[in-house]
Amino acid sequence: MIDYNGKKYVCLLDLGFDVIRGKWKAVILCHLGDGAKRFLELQRITCGVSQKVLNEQLRELEDDGLIYKVIYPEVPPRVEYYLTERGKELYPALKMIEEWAGNHYTEYQNETNQD
């Protein structure tokens, strides 16, 4: 067993997946892999995430050291989110999972594109 931040994990893989667990975290990380994004831009491109949930997910990703935000001293304030070095290390693995899904679930893609 691995103890980390008050939680117990079966193995390092369990810990790693806990960091990106949830519907939106991996999606957010993939979008930030393409470059910095503002909050409303992230909300728009994730298609369906509420403001509350997006805020929570961003905060958790920030707490886990995968992203950081820059608040620019402007009126109104401009906030941009970026991948940290740790997030940049994780990004290729997420892209590999995305590519794997595309390679193995093309029949599903074809069905959803016909709707």
N, C-alpha and C. Protein backbone atom coordinates (compact mmCIF):
# COMPACT_ATOMS: atom_id res chain seq x y z
N MET A 1 0.85 -1.19 0.00
CA MET A 1 0.00 0.00 0.00
C MET A 1 0.88 1.24 0.00
N ILE A 2 0.38 2.27 -0.64
CA ILE A 2 1.07 3.55 -0.70
C ILE A 2 0.18 4.58 -0.01
N ASP A 3 0.74 5.31 0.94
CA ASP A 3 0.03 6.41 1.59
C ASP A 3 0.50 7.71 0.97
N TYR A 4 -0.45 8.51 0.49
CA TYR A 4 -0.11 9.81 -0.09
C TYR A 4 -1.24 10.78 0.18
N ASN A 5 -0.93 11.90 0.79
CA ASN A 5 -1.92 12.94 1.11
C ASN A 5 -3.14 12.39 1.83
N GLY A 6 -2.91 11.49 2.77
CA GLY A 6 -4.00 10.96 3.58
C GLY A 6 -4.85 9.91 2.89
N LYS A 7 -4.45 9.47 1.71
CA LYS A 7 -5.19 8.42 0.99
C LYS A 7 -4.28 7.21 0.84
N LYS A 8 -4.91 6.06 0.71
CA LYS A 8 -4.17 4.82 0.50
C LYS A 8 -4.38 4.35 -0.94
N TYR A 9 -3.29 3.94 -1.56
CA TYR A 9 -3.33 3.46 -2.95
C TYR A 9 -2.73 2.07 -3.02
N VAL A 10 -3.27 1.26 -3.90
CA VAL A 10 -2.81 -0.11 -4.08
C VAL A 10 -1.41 -0.12 -4.69
N CYS A 11 -1.17 0.80 -5.64
CA CYS A 11 0.11 0.86 -6.33
C CYS A 11 0.28 2.27 -6.92
N LEU A 12 1.42 2.51 -7.56
CA LEU A 12 1.66 3.81 -8.16
C LEU A 12 0.69 4.10 -9.31
N LEU A 13 0.29 3.07 -10.03
CA LEU A 13 -0.69 3.27 -11.10
C LEU A 13 -2.00 3.80 -10.54
N ASP A 14 -2.43 3.24 -9.42
CA ASP A 14 -3.64 3.70 -8.73
C ASP A 14 -3.51 5.17 -8.36
N LEU A 15 -2.36 5.55 -7.82
CA LEU A 15 -2.10 6.95 -7.47
C LEU A 15 -2.14 7.83 -8.71
N GLY A 16 -1.46 7.40 -9.76
CA GLY A 16 -1.42 8.17 -11.00
C GLY A 16 -2.80 8.40 -11.59
N PHE A 17 -3.62 7.36 -11.60
CA PHE A 17 -4.97 7.51 -12.15
C PHE A 17 -5.85 8.37 -11.25
N ASP A 18 -5.61 8.36 -9.96
CA ASP A 18 -6.39 9.20 -9.07
C ASP A 18 -6.17 10.68 -9.38
N VAL A 19 -4.97 11.03 -9.79
CA VAL A 19 -4.66 12.42 -10.12
C VAL A 19 -5.48 12.91 -11.31
N ILE A 20 -5.76 12.02 -12.27
CA ILE A 20 -6.51 12.44 -13.46
C ILE A 20 -7.92 11.88 -13.49
N ARG A 21 -8.35 11.26 -12.38
CA ARG A 21 -9.68 10.66 -12.31
C ARG A 21 -10.75 11.75 -12.42
N GLY A 22 -11.82 11.40 -13.06
CA GLY A 22 -12.93 12.33 -13.24
C GLY A 22 -13.16 12.57 -14.72
N LYS A 23 -14.29 13.11 -15.01
CA LYS A 23 -14.69 13.28 -16.41
C LYS A 23 -13.88 14.35 -17.13
N TRP A 24 -13.42 15.37 -16.42
CA TRP A 24 -12.88 16.55 -17.09
C TRP A 24 -11.38 16.75 -16.96
N LYS A 25 -10.73 16.16 -15.99
CA LYS A 25 -9.32 16.47 -15.75
C LYS A 25 -8.43 16.16 -16.94
N ALA A 26 -8.53 14.97 -17.49
CA ALA A 26 -7.68 14.60 -18.64
C ALA A 26 -8.01 15.48 -19.84
N VAL A 27 -9.27 15.80 -20.02
CA VAL A 27 -9.69 16.66 -21.14
C VAL A 27 -9.07 18.06 -20.98
N ILE A 28 -9.13 18.60 -19.78
CA ILE A 28 -8.55 19.91 -19.50
C ILE A 28 -7.04 19.88 -19.78
N LEU A 29 -6.37 18.85 -19.29
CA LEU A 29 -4.93 18.74 -19.50
C LEU A 29 -4.58 18.66 -20.98
N CYS A 30 -5.37 17.92 -21.75
CA CYS A 30 -5.12 17.82 -23.19
C CYS A 30 -5.29 19.17 -23.88
N HIS A 31 -6.31 19.91 -23.49
CA HIS A 31 -6.51 21.23 -24.09
C HIS A 31 -5.39 22.19 -23.71
N LEU A 32 -4.92 22.11 -22.48
CA LEU A 32 -3.82 22.98 -22.06
C LEU A 32 -2.50 22.56 -22.71
N GLY A 33 -2.41 21.32 -23.15
CA GLY A 33 -1.23 20.88 -23.88
C GLY A 33 -1.05 21.61 -25.19
N ASP A 34 -2.14 22.15 -25.71
CA ASP A 34 -2.09 22.93 -26.95
C ASP A 34 -1.71 24.38 -26.69
N GLY A 35 -1.60 24.77 -25.41
CA GLY A 35 -1.22 26.14 -25.06
C GLY A 35 -2.14 26.69 -23.98
N ALA A 36 -1.76 27.86 -23.49
CA ALA A 36 -2.51 28.51 -22.41
C ALA A 36 -3.96 28.75 -22.81
N LYS A 37 -4.84 28.65 -21.84
CA LYS A 37 -6.27 28.89 -22.07
C LYS A 37 -6.83 29.73 -20.93
N ARG A 38 -7.81 30.55 -21.26
CA ARG A 38 -8.54 31.29 -20.25
C ARG A 38 -9.73 30.44 -19.78
N PHE A 39 -10.31 30.81 -18.63
CA PHE A 39 -11.38 30.02 -18.03
C PHE A 39 -12.54 29.82 -19.00
N LEU A 40 -13.05 30.90 -19.57
CA LEU A 40 -14.22 30.78 -20.46
C LEU A 40 -13.89 29.98 -21.72
N GLU A 41 -12.67 30.07 -22.18
CA GLU A 41 -12.26 29.28 -23.34
C GLU A 41 -12.27 27.79 -22.98
N LEU A 42 -11.75 27.45 -21.80
CA LEU A 42 -11.80 26.06 -21.35
C LEU A 42 -13.23 25.58 -21.20
N GLN A 43 -14.09 26.43 -20.66
CA GLN A 43 -15.48 26.03 -20.47
C GLN A 43 -16.15 25.79 -21.83
N ARG A 44 -15.84 26.64 -22.80
CA ARG A 44 -16.44 26.50 -24.12
C ARG A 44 -15.96 25.23 -24.83
N ILE A 45 -14.67 24.94 -24.78
CA ILE A 45 -14.15 23.80 -25.54
C ILE A 45 -14.37 22.46 -24.85
N THR A 46 -14.72 22.47 -23.57
CA THR A 46 -15.02 21.21 -22.90
C THR A 46 -16.48 20.82 -23.07
N CYS A 47 -17.30 21.69 -23.61
CA CYS A 47 -18.67 21.36 -24.01
C CYS A 47 -19.48 20.66 -22.91
N GLY A 48 -19.95 21.39 -21.97
CA GLY A 48 -20.87 20.80 -21.02
C GLY A 48 -20.46 20.85 -19.58
N VAL A 49 -19.25 21.26 -19.29
CA VAL A 49 -18.83 21.34 -17.90
C VAL A 49 -19.39 22.64 -17.30
N SER A 50 -19.92 22.53 -16.09
CA SER A 50 -20.45 23.72 -15.43
C SER A 50 -19.30 24.55 -14.88
N GLN A 51 -19.58 25.81 -14.62
CA GLN A 51 -18.58 26.72 -14.07
C GLN A 51 -18.05 26.20 -12.74
N LYS A 52 -18.95 25.70 -11.90
CA LYS A 52 -18.58 25.18 -10.58
C LYS A 52 -17.64 23.99 -10.70
N VAL A 53 -18.00 23.03 -11.55
CA VAL A 53 -17.19 21.82 -11.71
C VAL A 53 -15.85 22.17 -12.34
N LEU A 54 -15.84 23.04 -13.34
CA LEU A 54 -14.58 23.43 -13.97
C LEU A 54 -13.66 24.09 -12.95
N ASN A 55 -14.21 24.96 -12.12
CA ASN A 55 -13.42 25.59 -11.06
C ASN A 55 -12.81 24.55 -10.13
N GLU A 56 -13.62 23.58 -9.72
CA GLU A 56 -13.14 22.52 -8.81
C GLU A 56 -12.03 21.71 -9.46
N GLN A 57 -12.25 21.32 -10.73
CA GLN A 57 -11.25 20.51 -11.43
C GLN A 57 -9.95 21.27 -11.61
N LEU A 58 -10.04 22.55 -11.96
CA LEU A 58 -8.85 23.37 -12.13
C LEU A 58 -8.10 23.52 -10.80
N ARG A 59 -8.83 23.70 -9.73
CA ARG A 59 -8.22 23.84 -8.41
C ARG A 59 -7.49 22.55 -8.02
N GLU A 60 -8.13 21.40 -8.27
CA GLU A 60 -7.51 20.12 -7.95
C GLU A 60 -6.26 19.87 -8.80
N LEU A 61 -6.33 20.20 -10.08
CA LEU A 61 -5.16 20.04 -10.95
C LEU A 61 -4.02 20.96 -10.50
N GLU A 62 -4.39 22.14 -10.04
CA GLU A 62 -3.40 23.08 -9.53
C GLU A 62 -2.78 22.54 -8.23
N ASP A 63 -3.63 22.03 -7.33
CA ASP A 63 -3.15 21.46 -6.07
C ASP A 63 -2.21 20.27 -6.31
N ASP A 64 -2.47 19.50 -7.37
CA ASP A 64 -1.64 18.35 -7.70
C ASP A 64 -0.38 18.73 -8.48
N GLY A 65 -0.23 20.01 -8.77
CA GLY A 65 0.98 20.49 -9.44
C GLY A 65 1.02 20.22 -10.92
N LEU A 66 -0.14 20.01 -11.55
CA LEU A 66 -0.17 19.73 -12.99
C LEU A 66 -0.40 20.99 -13.82
N ILE A 67 -1.05 21.99 -13.23
CA ILE A 67 -1.28 23.25 -13.93
C ILE A 67 -0.97 24.40 -12.97
N TYR A 68 -0.83 25.58 -13.55
CA TYR A 68 -0.74 26.79 -12.75
C TYR A 68 -1.51 27.89 -13.46
N LYS A 69 -1.89 28.89 -12.70
CA LYS A 69 -2.63 29.99 -13.31
C LYS A 69 -1.85 31.27 -13.10
N VAL A 70 -2.00 32.15 -14.08
CA VAL A 70 -1.40 33.47 -14.02
C VAL A 70 -2.54 34.47 -14.02
N ILE A 71 -2.55 35.33 -13.01
CA ILE A 71 -3.55 36.38 -12.91
C ILE A 71 -2.87 37.68 -13.31
N TYR A 72 -3.33 38.27 -14.39
CA TYR A 72 -2.74 39.51 -14.89
C TYR A 72 -3.42 40.70 -14.21
N PRO A 73 -2.64 41.68 -13.79
CA PRO A 73 -3.21 42.84 -13.08
C PRO A 73 -3.88 43.82 -14.05
N GLU A 74 -5.01 43.42 -14.55
CA GLU A 74 -5.78 44.23 -15.49
C GLU A 74 -7.20 44.37 -14.96
N VAL A 75 -7.94 45.29 -15.53
CA VAL A 75 -9.35 45.44 -15.19
C VAL A 75 -10.13 45.24 -16.48
N PRO A 76 -10.98 44.21 -16.54
CA PRO A 76 -11.17 43.14 -15.57
C PRO A 76 -9.96 42.21 -15.57
N PRO A 77 -9.74 41.49 -14.46
CA PRO A 77 -8.57 40.61 -14.38
C PRO A 77 -8.61 39.51 -15.45
N ARG A 78 -7.47 39.24 -16.01
CA ARG A 78 -7.34 38.16 -17.00
C ARG A 78 -6.59 37.02 -16.33
N VAL A 79 -7.15 35.83 -16.41
CA VAL A 79 -6.54 34.64 -15.81
C VAL A 79 -6.30 33.62 -16.91
N GLU A 80 -5.08 33.11 -16.95
CA GLU A 80 -4.74 32.07 -17.92
C GLU A 80 -4.17 30.87 -17.19
N TYR A 81 -4.47 29.69 -17.73
CA TYR A 81 -4.01 28.43 -17.15
C TYR A 81 -2.98 27.80 -18.08
N TYR A 82 -1.95 27.22 -17.47
CA TYR A 82 -0.84 26.61 -18.19
C TYR A 82 -0.51 25.26 -17.57
N LEU A 83 0.12 24.38 -18.36
CA LEU A 83 0.66 23.15 -17.81
C LEU A 83 1.97 23.45 -17.09
N THR A 84 2.19 22.81 -15.95
CA THR A 84 3.48 22.86 -15.29
C THR A 84 4.40 21.85 -15.97
N GLU A 85 5.65 21.78 -15.52
CA GLU A 85 6.55 20.76 -16.07
C GLU A 85 6.00 19.37 -15.81
N ARG A 86 5.42 19.16 -14.64
CA ARG A 86 4.82 17.85 -14.31
C ARG A 86 3.66 17.56 -15.26
N GLY A 87 2.84 18.57 -15.55
CA GLY A 87 1.73 18.41 -16.48
C GLY A 87 2.21 18.12 -17.89
N LYS A 88 3.31 18.78 -18.28
CA LYS A 88 3.88 18.55 -19.61
C LYS A 88 4.41 17.13 -19.74
N GLU A 89 4.93 16.56 -18.63
CA GLU A 89 5.40 15.18 -18.66
C GLU A 89 4.23 14.20 -18.83
N LEU A 90 3.08 14.52 -18.27
CA LEU A 90 1.91 13.65 -18.34
C LEU A 90 1.22 13.75 -19.70
N TYR A 91 1.30 14.89 -20.34
CA TYR A 91 0.59 15.16 -21.59
C TYR A 91 0.79 14.09 -22.66
N PRO A 92 2.04 13.65 -22.97
CA PRO A 92 2.19 12.62 -24.01
C PRO A 92 1.46 11.32 -23.68
N ALA A 93 1.41 10.95 -22.41
CA ALA A 93 0.69 9.72 -22.04
C ALA A 93 -0.80 9.86 -22.33
N LEU A 94 -1.36 11.03 -22.05
CA LEU A 94 -2.78 11.28 -22.34
C LEU A 94 -3.04 11.25 -23.84
N LYS A 95 -2.12 11.82 -24.61
CA LYS A 95 -2.28 11.81 -26.06
C LYS A 95 -2.18 10.38 -26.61
N MET A 96 -1.34 9.54 -25.99
CA MET A 96 -1.24 8.14 -26.41
C MET A 96 -2.55 7.40 -26.14
N ILE A 97 -3.18 7.67 -25.02
CA ILE A 97 -4.48 7.06 -24.71
C ILE A 97 -5.52 7.53 -25.72
N GLU A 98 -5.49 8.81 -26.05
CA GLU A 98 -6.42 9.36 -27.04
C GLU A 98 -6.21 8.69 -28.40
N GLU A 99 -4.96 8.53 -28.81
CA GLU A 99 -4.65 7.87 -30.08
C GLU A 99 -5.08 6.41 -30.06
N TRP A 100 -4.81 5.73 -28.93
CA TRP A 100 -5.22 4.34 -28.79
C TRP A 100 -6.74 4.21 -28.95
N ALA A 101 -7.49 5.11 -28.32
CA ALA A 101 -8.95 5.07 -28.43
C ALA A 101 -9.39 5.29 -29.88
N GLY A 102 -8.73 6.20 -30.56
CA GLY A 102 -9.05 6.43 -31.96
C GLY A 102 -8.77 5.23 -32.83
N ASN A 103 -7.69 4.51 -32.53
CA ASN A 103 -7.33 3.32 -33.31
C ASN A 103 -8.25 2.15 -33.05
N HIS A 104 -8.76 2.02 -31.85
CA HIS A 104 -9.52 0.82 -31.49
C HIS A 104 -11.03 1.03 -31.43
N TYR A 105 -11.46 2.23 -31.50
CA TYR A 105 -12.89 2.48 -31.40
C TYR A 105 -13.39 3.30 -32.58
N THR A 106 -12.83 3.04 -33.76
CA THR A 106 -13.26 3.77 -34.96
C THR A 106 -14.71 3.46 -35.30
N GLU A 107 -15.15 2.22 -35.00
CA GLU A 107 -16.55 1.89 -35.29
C GLU A 107 -17.48 2.76 -34.44
N TYR A 108 -17.07 3.08 -33.23
CA TYR A 108 -17.87 3.96 -32.39
C TYR A 108 -17.86 5.37 -32.96
N GLN A 109 -16.70 5.83 -33.41
CA GLN A 109 -16.61 7.16 -34.01
C GLN A 109 -17.52 7.26 -35.23
N ASN A 110 -17.56 6.22 -36.04
CA ASN A 110 -18.39 6.22 -37.23
C ASN A 110 -19.87 6.29 -36.86
N GLU A 111 -20.28 5.59 -35.81
CA GLU A 111 -21.67 5.62 -35.36
C GLU A 111 -22.04 7.00 -34.86
N THR A 112 -21.18 7.64 -34.09
CA THR A 112 -21.52 8.95 -33.54
C THR A 112 -21.49 10.03 -34.59
N ASN A 113 -20.67 9.86 -35.65
CA ASN A 113 -20.62 10.85 -36.71
C ASN A 113 -21.86 10.78 -37.61
N GLN A 114 -22.57 9.65 -37.60
CA GLN A 114 -23.75 9.49 -38.45
C GLN A 114 -24.99 10.12 -37.80
N ASP A 115 -24.96 10.37 -36.48
CA ASP A 115 -26.13 10.94 -35.80
C ASP A 115 -26.38 12.38 -36.18
